[in-house]
Protein backbone atom coordinates (compact mmCIF):
# COMPACT_ATOMS: atom_id res chain seq x y z
CA MET A 1 2.90 28.66 2.08
CA PRO A 2 -0.32 27.45 0.35
CA ARG A 3 -1.94 24.27 1.56
CA PRO A 4 -1.97 21.36 -0.88
CA THR A 5 -5.27 20.76 -2.60
CA GLN A 6 -7.35 17.70 -1.74
CA PRO A 7 -7.00 14.91 -4.34
CA SER A 8 -9.99 14.44 -6.63
CA GLU A 9 -12.59 11.81 -5.79
CA ARG A 10 -11.29 9.71 -8.69
CA VAL A 11 -7.78 9.72 -7.22
CA LEU A 12 -9.09 8.87 -3.74
CA ALA A 13 -11.15 5.99 -5.17
CA ARG A 14 -8.15 4.63 -7.07
CA ARG A 15 -6.01 4.91 -3.93
CA ARG A 16 -8.58 2.77 -2.08
CA GLU A 17 -8.57 0.22 -4.93
CA VAL A 18 -4.79 -0.09 -4.77
CA GLY A 19 -4.95 -0.52 -1.00
CA GLU A 20 -7.55 -3.25 -1.40
CA GLN A 21 -5.37 -4.99 -4.00
CA ILE A 22 -2.37 -4.87 -1.68
CA ARG A 23 -4.50 -6.46 1.06
CA ARG A 24 -5.76 -9.19 -1.32
CA VAL A 25 -2.21 -10.04 -2.38
CA ARG A 26 -1.04 -10.10 1.25
CA GLU A 27 -3.87 -12.42 2.27
CA ARG A 28 -3.30 -14.68 -0.76
CA GLN A 29 0.33 -14.99 0.37
CA ASN A 30 -0.94 -15.91 3.87
CA LEU A 31 0.89 -12.97 5.41
CA THR A 32 -0.16 -10.68 8.23
CA GLN A 33 0.39 -6.95 8.19
CA SER A 34 3.09 -7.53 10.80
CA ASP A 35 4.80 -10.04 8.51
CA VAL A 36 4.95 -7.55 5.65
CA CYS A 37 6.12 -4.76 7.96
CA GLY A 38 8.84 -6.92 9.46
CA ARG A 39 10.12 -7.90 6.02
CA SER A 40 9.88 -4.39 4.53
CA GLY A 41 10.81 -2.19 7.48
CA ILE A 42 7.58 -0.20 7.16
CA ASP A 43 5.78 0.94 10.30
CA VAL A 44 2.57 -1.05 10.95
CA ALA A 45 0.45 2.11 11.25
CA THR A 46 1.79 3.42 7.94
CA TYR A 47 1.19 0.10 6.23
CA SER A 48 -2.35 -0.08 7.59
CA ARG A 49 -3.11 3.41 6.23
CA ILE A 50 -1.86 2.29 2.81
CA GLU A 51 -4.14 -0.77 2.78
CA GLN A 52 -7.08 1.37 3.87
CA GLY A 53 -6.41 3.90 1.12
CA HIS A 54 -5.79 6.71 3.59
CA SER A 55 -2.16 7.16 2.57
CA SER A 56 -0.50 7.56 -0.80
CA PRO A 57 2.75 5.58 -0.65
CA LYS A 58 5.90 6.56 -2.49
CA LEU A 59 7.14 4.27 -5.23
CA ASP A 60 10.02 3.12 -3.03
CA THR A 61 7.53 2.03 -0.37
CA LEU A 62 5.48 0.06 -2.91
CA ILE A 63 8.67 -1.64 -4.09
CA ARG A 64 9.51 -2.61 -0.50
CA ILE A 65 5.99 -4.01 -0.01
CA ALA A 66 6.16 -6.01 -3.27
CA ASP A 67 9.59 -7.38 -2.31
CA ALA A 68 8.32 -8.32 1.16
CA MET A 69 5.46 -10.27 -0.45
CA ASP A 70 7.73 -11.71 -3.16
CA VAL A 71 5.51 -10.44 -6.00
CA ASP A 72 6.01 -8.16 -8.99
CA LEU A 73 5.33 -4.51 -8.31
CA ALA A 74 2.66 -4.48 -11.02
CA GLU A 75 0.63 -7.04 -9.09
CA LEU A 76 -0.02 -4.47 -6.35
CA ALA A 77 -1.65 -1.98 -8.70
CA ARG A 78 -3.94 -4.19 -10.77
């Protein structure tokens, strides 16, 4: 089976921007990573990788994060 290709630099940069936005929203809500993980059911290590831009979350995961922070989904991808 062929290995998946590495995302382009543009995609990687955008992934980091989204992760940074998620972190900004979390901090503005005065939440810790543990708070968000407890409310969303997401593993802390997984959540941390999302904020750092090392992981590309599924839409369902982003919805769970937005719900845990009580914000619109669109706010996480500004």
